[in-house]
Amino acid sequence: MNHDLTPYEEPTSLEYETLDQSTLEERLSLFIQDLLEHNFAKLTNMIYRHDLNEVKFNQALEKPSLKLQANAIARLVVERELQKVETRKKYSPNRNKELPI
C-alpha cells in the first residue's frame, strides 16, 4: 500500500500542522460531497460525533448544489473543531503554566 496517496486530497499527518483554514475546509468539502452523494447516513453520524449545530447543518443542506452544501458543512466542522480547541485551552489545568520551548 502506498502511504503517499490519500483519498480526497486528505492531508498527511505532517500537513495538518501547516494547513490554513481555507485549504483544510476545501479538502474536507471533497470528502463531505462524496458522503452527500453516496453515504448520507455516514455523514449524519459524523455530524453528530462532531457535535455540529443541527439548525446550521440543515441550513447548509438547503444550499442549491452539492458543492455548496459540502463547502458549508466543511466550514461548520472546522469552526466547531476550533471552538473545541479553544474550550480545551480555556479549561486546561496547565493553562497557566508556560510551555517548554
Protein backbone atom coordinates (compact mmCIF):
# COMPACT_ATOMS: atom_id res chain seq x y z
CA MET A 1 0.00 0.00 0.00
CA ASN A 2 1.33 3.41 -0.96
CA HIS A 3 1.03 5.74 2.06
CA ASP A 4 1.80 8.80 -0.07
CA LEU A 5 -1.62 8.61 -1.70
CA THR A 6 -4.60 9.83 0.25
CA PRO A 7 -8.24 9.91 -0.88
CA TYR A 8 -9.98 13.27 -1.35
CA GLU A 9 -6.62 15.06 -1.13
CA GLU A 10 -6.61 14.24 2.58
CA PRO A 11 -3.70 15.93 4.37
CA THR A 12 -0.92 13.78 5.68
CA SER A 13 -0.36 13.88 9.43
CA LEU A 14 2.54 16.31 8.98
CA GLU A 15 0.47 18.64 6.79
CA TYR A 16 -2.17 19.19 9.46
CA GLU A 17 0.28 21.37 11.37
CA THR A 18 0.77 23.77 8.46
CA LEU A 19 -2.58 23.87 6.64
CA ASP A 20 -4.51 27.09 6.66
CA GLN A 21 -8.21 27.00 7.46
CA SER A 22 -9.41 27.58 3.89
CA THR A 23 -7.29 24.73 2.50
CA LEU A 24 -8.49 22.40 5.22
CA GLU A 25 -12.12 23.35 4.51
CA GLU A 26 -11.57 22.84 0.77
CA ARG A 27 -10.14 19.36 1.23
CA LEU A 28 -12.75 18.38 3.79
CA SER A 29 -15.52 19.53 1.46
CA LEU A 30 -14.42 16.96 -1.16
CA PHE A 31 -14.92 14.18 1.39
CA ILE A 32 -18.24 15.62 2.54
CA GLN A 33 -19.50 15.97 -1.03
CA ASP A 34 -18.79 12.29 -1.60
CA LEU A 35 -20.74 11.45 1.56
CA LEU A 36 -23.64 13.62 0.44
CA GLU A 37 -23.78 11.70 -2.82
CA HIS A 38 -23.08 8.16 -1.63
CA ASN A 39 -23.44 7.74 2.13
CA PHE A 40 -25.67 10.30 3.81
CA ALA A 41 -26.04 8.11 6.91
CA LYS A 42 -22.28 8.20 7.46
CA LEU A 43 -22.31 11.98 7.05
CA THR A 44 -25.05 12.43 9.64
CA ASN A 45 -23.14 10.16 12.01
CA MET A 46 -20.04 12.32 11.52
CA ILE A 47 -22.06 15.48 12.12
CA TYR A 48 -23.43 14.01 15.35
CA ARG A 49 -19.94 12.99 16.58
CA HIS A 50 -18.56 16.45 15.87
CA ASP A 51 -21.48 17.98 17.77
CA LEU A 52 -22.49 20.36 14.99
CA ASN A 53 -25.46 22.63 15.42
CA GLU A 54 -28.40 20.83 13.80
CA VAL A 55 -30.06 24.04 12.59
CA LYS A 56 -26.87 25.22 10.87
CA PHE A 57 -26.36 21.77 9.34
CA ASN A 58 -29.91 21.79 7.94
CA GLN A 59 -29.36 25.32 6.60
CA ALA A 60 -26.24 24.08 4.82
CA LEU A 61 -28.27 21.29 3.25
CA GLU A 62 -30.61 23.91 1.76
CA LYS A 63 -27.83 25.26 -0.48
CA PRO A 64 -28.64 24.84 -4.19
CA SER A 65 -25.84 22.41 -5.11
CA LEU A 66 -23.92 19.54 -3.54
CA LYS A 67 -20.69 21.50 -3.82
CA LEU A 68 -22.13 24.49 -1.93
CA GLN A 69 -23.67 22.17 0.66
CA ALA A 70 -20.34 20.39 1.15
CA ASN A 71 -18.46 23.69 1.45
CA ALA A 72 -20.90 24.99 4.07
CA ILE A 73 -20.76 21.76 6.08
CA ALA A 74 -16.95 21.67 5.93
CA ARG A 75 -16.85 25.23 7.25
CA LEU A 76 -19.15 24.23 10.13
CA VAL A 77 -16.97 21.22 11.01
CA VAL A 78 -13.75 23.25 11.04
CA GLU A 79 -15.32 26.07 13.04
CA ARG A 80 -16.69 23.58 15.59
CA GLU A 81 -13.34 21.85 15.97
CA LEU A 82 -11.65 25.23 16.52
CA GLN A 83 -14.24 26.02 19.20
CA LYS A 84 -13.40 22.74 20.92
CA VAL A 85 -9.69 23.57 20.87
CA GLU A 86 -10.35 26.96 22.45
CA THR A 87 -12.58 25.43 25.11
CA ARG A 88 -9.93 22.84 25.98
CA LYS A 89 -7.31 25.58 26.27
CA LYS A 90 -9.56 27.63 28.49
CA TYR A 91 -10.27 24.81 30.91
CA SER A 92 -6.94 23.01 30.74
CA PRO A 93 -5.29 22.51 34.15
CA ASN A 94 -1.99 23.54 32.55
CA ARG A 95 -3.25 26.79 31.02
CA ASN A 96 -1.31 28.99 33.45
CA LYS A 97 1.91 27.09 33.05
CA GLU A 98 4.38 28.16 30.44
CA LEU A 99 5.01 25.69 27.66
CA PRO A 100 8.57 24.43 27.25
CA ILE A 101 10.44 25.92 24.33
